[in-house]
Amino acid sequence: MSKPSKRAWDMLIENPNRPADEVRIATGLKVEMIEQIRSDVLKRLMDNPEF
């Protein structure tokens, strides 16, 4: 996982509803990539609520 992707993952784990533009500004990733990471984060949280 690249450093920007890891940062986006951490930001979205902290708050899955964080606006994509906020994550984009912080990481430089495209919104499409951020939404994919958000989808993965939400799936992880649903599969393992204690995470």
PDB file of N, CA and C in Angstrom:
ATOM      1  N   MET A   1       0.862  -1.174   0.000  1.00  0.00           N
ATOM      2  CA  MET A   1       0.000   0.000   0.000  1.00  0.00           C
ATOM      3  C   MET A   1       0.906   1.234   0.000  1.00  0.00           C
ATOM      4  N   SER A   2       0.630   2.151  -0.897  1.00  0.00           N
ATOM      5  CA  SER A   2       1.443   3.363  -0.962  1.00  0.00           C
ATOM      6  C   SER A   2       1.190   4.236   0.269  1.00  0.00           C
ATOM      7  N   LYS A   3       2.091   5.148   0.507  1.00  0.00           N
ATOM      8  CA  LYS A   3       1.969   6.038   1.671  1.00  0.00           C
ATOM      9  C   LYS A   3       0.672   6.860   1.616  1.00  0.00           C
ATOM     10  N   PRO A   4       0.313   7.457   0.445  1.00  0.00           N
ATOM     11  CA  PRO A   4      -0.965   8.196   0.395  1.00  0.00           C
ATOM     12  C   PRO A   4      -2.173   7.282   0.622  1.00  0.00           C
ATOM     13  N   SER A   5      -2.125   6.060   0.090  1.00  0.00           N
ATOM     14  CA  SER A   5      -3.235   5.131   0.290  1.00  0.00           C
ATOM     15  C   SER A   5      -3.358   4.753   1.757  1.00  0.00           C
ATOM     16  N   LYS A   6      -2.236   4.521   2.411  1.00  0.00           N
ATOM     17  CA  LYS A   6      -2.234   4.186   3.840  1.00  0.00           C
ATOM     18  C   LYS A   6      -2.809   5.341   4.647  1.00  0.00           C
ATOM     19  N   ARG A   7      -2.414   6.553   4.282  1.00  0.00           N
ATOM     20  CA  ARG A   7      -2.929   7.735   4.990  1.00  0.00           C
ATOM     21  C   ARG A   7      -4.448   7.853   4.796  1.00  0.00           C
ATOM     22  N   ALA A   8      -4.917   7.637   3.564  1.00  0.00           N
ATOM     23  CA  ALA A   8      -6.358   7.686   3.291  1.00  0.00           C
ATOM     24  C   ALA A   8      -7.071   6.604   4.089  1.00  0.00           C
ATOM     25  N   TRP A   9      -6.504   5.399   4.121  1.00  0.00           N
ATOM     26  CA  TRP A   9      -7.090   4.291   4.884  1.00  0.00           C
ATOM     27  C   TRP A   9      -7.230   4.707   6.352  1.00  0.00           C
ATOM     28  N   ASP A  10      -6.155   5.243   6.927  1.00  0.00           N
ATOM     29  CA  ASP A  10      -6.174   5.652   8.339  1.00  0.00           C
ATOM     30  C   ASP A  10      -7.215   6.741   8.593  1.00  0.00           C
ATOM     31  N   MET A  11      -7.301   7.701   7.685  1.00  0.00           N
ATOM     32  CA  MET A  11      -8.278   8.786   7.836  1.00  0.00           C
ATOM     33  C   MET A  11      -9.703   8.244   7.783  1.00  0.00           C
ATOM     34  N   LEU A  12      -9.943   7.274   6.894  1.00  0.00           N
ATOM     35  CA  LEU A  12     -11.292   6.733   6.735  1.00  0.00           C
ATOM     36  C   LEU A  12     -11.644   5.737   7.832  1.00  0.00           C
ATOM     37  N   ILE A  13     -10.663   5.056   8.393  1.00  0.00           N
ATOM     38  CA  ILE A  13     -10.930   4.193   9.551  1.00  0.00           C
ATOM     39  C   ILE A  13     -11.371   5.084  10.714  1.00  0.00           C
ATOM     40  N   GLU A  14     -10.696   6.212  10.864  1.00  0.00           N
ATOM     41  CA  GLU A  14     -11.020   7.166  11.932  1.00  0.00           C
ATOM     42  C   GLU A  14     -12.432   7.719  11.766  1.00  0.00           C
ATOM     43  N   ASN A  15     -12.802   8.029  10.516  1.00  0.00           N
ATOM     44  CA  ASN A  15     -14.132   8.576  10.234  1.00  0.00           C
ATOM     45  C   ASN A  15     -14.532   8.182   8.806  1.00  0.00           C
ATOM     46  N   PRO A  16     -15.291   7.084   8.660  1.00  0.00           N
ATOM     47  CA  PRO A  16     -15.666   6.617   7.314  1.00  0.00           C
ATOM     48  C   PRO A  16     -16.522   7.612   6.526  1.00  0.00           C
ATOM     49  N   ASN A  17     -17.123   8.579   7.196  1.00  0.00           N
ATOM     50  CA  ASN A  17     -17.972   9.561   6.516  1.00  0.00           C
ATOM     51  C   ASN A  17     -17.229  10.845   6.161  1.00  0.00           C
ATOM     52  N   ARG A  18     -15.931  10.838   6.346  1.00  0.00           N
ATOM     53  CA  ARG A  18     -15.123  12.019   6.025  1.00  0.00           C
ATOM     54  C   ARG A  18     -15.275  12.350   4.540  1.00  0.00           C
ATOM     55  N   PRO A  19     -15.460  13.615   4.192  1.00  0.00           N
ATOM     56  CA  PRO A  19     -15.638  13.990   2.780  1.00  0.00           C
ATOM     57  C   PRO A  19     -14.424  13.587   1.928  1.00  0.00           C
ATOM     58  N   ALA A  20     -14.699  13.083   0.739  1.00  0.00           N
ATOM     59  CA  ALA A  20     -13.630  12.652  -0.167  1.00  0.00           C
ATOM     60  C   ALA A  20     -12.693  13.806  -0.507  1.00  0.00           C
ATOM     61  N   ASP A  21     -13.228  15.027  -0.627  1.00  0.00           N
ATOM     62  CA  ASP A  21     -12.365  16.177  -0.945  1.00  0.00           C
ATOM     63  C   ASP A  21     -11.347  16.439   0.161  1.00  0.00           C
ATOM     64  N   GLU A  22     -11.753  16.245   1.397  1.00  0.00           N
ATOM     65  CA  GLU A  22     -10.830  16.429   2.522  1.00  0.00           C
ATOM     66  C   GLU A  22      -9.695  15.409   2.448  1.00  0.00           C
ATOM     67  N   VAL A  23     -10.042  14.162   2.143  1.00  0.00           N
ATOM     68  CA  VAL A  23      -9.030  13.109   2.009  1.00  0.00           C
ATOM     69  C   VAL A  23      -8.157  13.390   0.788  1.00  0.00           C
ATOM     70  N   ARG A  24      -8.763  13.844  -0.301  1.00  0.00           N
ATOM     71  CA  ARG A  24      -8.009  14.156  -1.529  1.00  0.00           C
ATOM     72  C   ARG A  24      -6.980  15.241  -1.272  1.00  0.00           C
ATOM     73  N   ILE A  25      -7.373  16.289  -0.562  1.00  0.00           N
ATOM     74  CA  ILE A  25      -6.456  17.390  -0.257  1.00  0.00           C
ATOM     75  C   ILE A  25      -5.293  16.892   0.611  1.00  0.00           C
ATOM     76  N   ALA A  26      -5.589  16.028   1.558  1.00  0.00           N
ATOM     77  CA  ALA A  26      -4.558  15.530   2.471  1.00  0.00           C
ATOM     78  C   ALA A  26      -3.623  14.519   1.819  1.00  0.00           C
ATOM     79  N   THR A  27      -4.130  13.759   0.840  1.00  0.00           N
ATOM     80  CA  THR A  27      -3.342  12.657   0.285  1.00  0.00           C
ATOM     81  C   THR A  27      -2.920  12.849  -1.163  1.00  0.00           C
ATOM     82  N   GLY A  28      -3.667  13.648  -1.915  1.00  0.00           N
ATOM     83  CA  GLY A  28      -3.382  13.811  -3.338  1.00  0.00           C
ATOM     84  C   GLY A  28      -3.966  12.713  -4.211  1.00  0.00           C
ATOM     85  N   LEU A  29      -4.711  11.787  -3.608  1.00  0.00           N
ATOM     86  CA  LEU A  29      -5.316  10.698  -4.384  1.00  0.00           C
ATOM     87  C   LEU A  29      -6.548  11.177  -5.136  1.00  0.00           C
ATOM     88  N   LYS A  30      -6.881  10.470  -6.212  1.00  0.00           N
ATOM     89  CA  LYS A  30      -8.103  10.763  -6.958  1.00  0.00           C
ATOM     90  C   LYS A  30      -9.315  10.336  -6.150  1.00  0.00           C
ATOM     91  N   VAL A  31     -10.434  11.024  -6.354  1.00  0.00           N
ATOM     92  CA  VAL A  31     -11.666  10.727  -5.624  1.00  0.00           C
ATOM     93  C   VAL A  31     -12.096   9.282  -5.863  1.00  0.00           C
ATOM     94  N   GLU A  32     -11.935   8.768  -7.081  1.00  0.00           N
ATOM     95  CA  GLU A  32     -12.322   7.385  -7.378  1.00  0.00           C
ATOM     96  C   GLU A  32     -11.542   6.406  -6.496  1.00  0.00           C
ATOM     97  N   MET A  33     -10.256   6.654  -6.317  1.00  0.00           N
ATOM     98  CA  MET A  33      -9.418   5.798  -5.476  1.00  0.00           C
ATOM     99  C   MET A  33      -9.854   5.907  -4.012  1.00  0.00           C
ATOM    100  N   ILE A  34     -10.178   7.104  -3.572  1.00  0.00           N
ATOM    101  CA  ILE A  34     -10.630   7.314  -2.198  1.00  0.00           C
ATOM    102  C   ILE A  34     -11.933   6.565  -1.949  1.00  0.00           C
ATOM    103  N   GLU A  35     -12.847   6.616  -2.903  1.00  0.00           N
ATOM    104  CA  GLU A  35     -14.122   5.912  -2.743  1.00  0.00           C
ATOM    105  C   GLU A  35     -13.919   4.397  -2.706  1.00  0.00           C
ATOM    106  N   GLN A  36     -12.940   3.888  -3.455  1.00  0.00           N
ATOM    107  CA  GLN A  36     -12.625   2.456  -3.402  1.00  0.00           C
ATOM    108  C   GLN A  36     -12.074   2.091  -2.027  1.00  0.00           C
ATOM    109  N   ILE A  37     -11.195   2.928  -1.500  1.00  0.00           N
ATOM    110  CA  ILE A  37     -10.652   2.681  -0.161  1.00  0.00           C
ATOM    111  C   ILE A  37     -11.772   2.761   0.870  1.00  0.00           C
ATOM    112  N   ARG A  38     -12.682   3.731   0.716  1.00  0.00           N
ATOM    113  CA  ARG A  38     -13.808   3.858   1.648  1.00  0.00           C
ATOM    114  C   ARG A  38     -14.655   2.575   1.632  1.00  0.00           C
ATOM    115  N   SER A  39     -14.890   2.045   0.446  1.00  0.00           N
ATOM    116  CA  SER A  39     -15.656   0.805   0.314  1.00  0.00           C
ATOM    117  C   SER A  39     -14.959  -0.334   1.060  1.00  0.00           C
ATOM    118  N   ASP A  40     -13.646  -0.438   0.910  1.00  0.00           N
ATOM    119  CA  ASP A  40     -12.881  -1.469   1.606  1.00  0.00           C
ATOM    120  C   ASP A  40     -12.934  -1.275   3.117  1.00  0.00           C
ATOM    121  N   VAL A  41     -12.834  -0.027   3.565  1.00  0.00           N
ATOM    122  CA  VAL A  41     -12.896   0.289   4.997  1.00  0.00           C
ATOM    123  C   VAL A  41     -14.259  -0.102   5.561  1.00  0.00           C
ATOM    124  N   LEU A  42     -15.320   0.277   4.869  1.00  0.00           N
ATOM    125  CA  LEU A  42     -16.668  -0.040   5.355  1.00  0.00           C
ATOM    126  C   LEU A  42     -16.888  -1.543   5.419  1.00  0.00           C
ATOM    127  N   LYS A  43     -16.383  -2.267   4.420  1.00  0.00           N
ATOM    128  CA  LYS A  43     -16.503  -3.724   4.433  1.00  0.00           C
ATOM    129  C   LYS A  43     -15.747  -4.297   5.624  1.00  0.00           C
ATOM    130  N   ARG A  44     -14.547  -3.801   5.867  1.00  0.00           N
ATOM    131  CA  ARG A  44     -13.754  -4.280   7.004  1.00  0.00           C
ATOM    132  C   ARG A  44     -14.479  -3.999   8.320  1.00  0.00           C
ATOM    133  N   LEU A  45     -15.051  -2.812   8.447  1.00  0.00           N
ATOM    134  CA  LEU A  45     -15.753  -2.453   9.685  1.00  0.00           C
ATOM    135  C   LEU A  45     -17.008  -3.300   9.883  1.00  0.00           C
ATOM    136  N   MET A  46     -17.706  -3.626   8.795  1.00  0.00           N
ATOM    137  CA  MET A  46     -18.911  -4.454   8.907  1.00  0.00           C
ATOM    138  C   MET A  46     -18.546  -5.895   9.267  1.00  0.00           C
ATOM    139  N   ASP A  47     -17.456  -6.397   8.679  1.00  0.00           N
ATOM    140  CA  ASP A  47     -17.020  -7.773   8.925  1.00  0.00           C
ATOM    141  C   ASP A  47     -16.413  -7.936  10.315  1.00  0.00           C
ATOM    142  N   ASN A  48     -15.839  -6.867  10.845  1.00  0.00           N
ATOM    143  CA  ASN A  48     -15.161  -6.938  12.125  1.00  0.00           C
ATOM    144  C   ASN A  48     -15.415  -5.650  12.900  1.00  0.00           C
ATOM    145  N   PRO A  49     -16.561  -5.538  13.571  1.00  0.00           N
ATOM    146  CA  PRO A  49     -16.934  -4.282  14.248  1.00  0.00           C
ATOM    147  C   PRO A  49     -15.943  -3.835  15.316  1.00  0.00           C
ATOM    148  N   GLU A  50     -15.159  -4.767  15.862  1.00  0.00           N
ATOM    149  CA  GLU A  50     -14.199  -4.383  16.894  1.00  0.00           C
ATOM    150  C   GLU A  50     -12.959  -3.728  16.313  1.00  0.00           C
ATOM    151  N   PHE A  51     -12.787  -3.797  15.000  1.00  0.00           N
ATOM    152  CA  PHE A  51     -11.626  -3.206  14.331  1.00  0.00           C
ATOM    153  C   PHE A  51     -11.779  -1.727  14.403  1.00  0.00           C
TER     154      PHE A  51
END
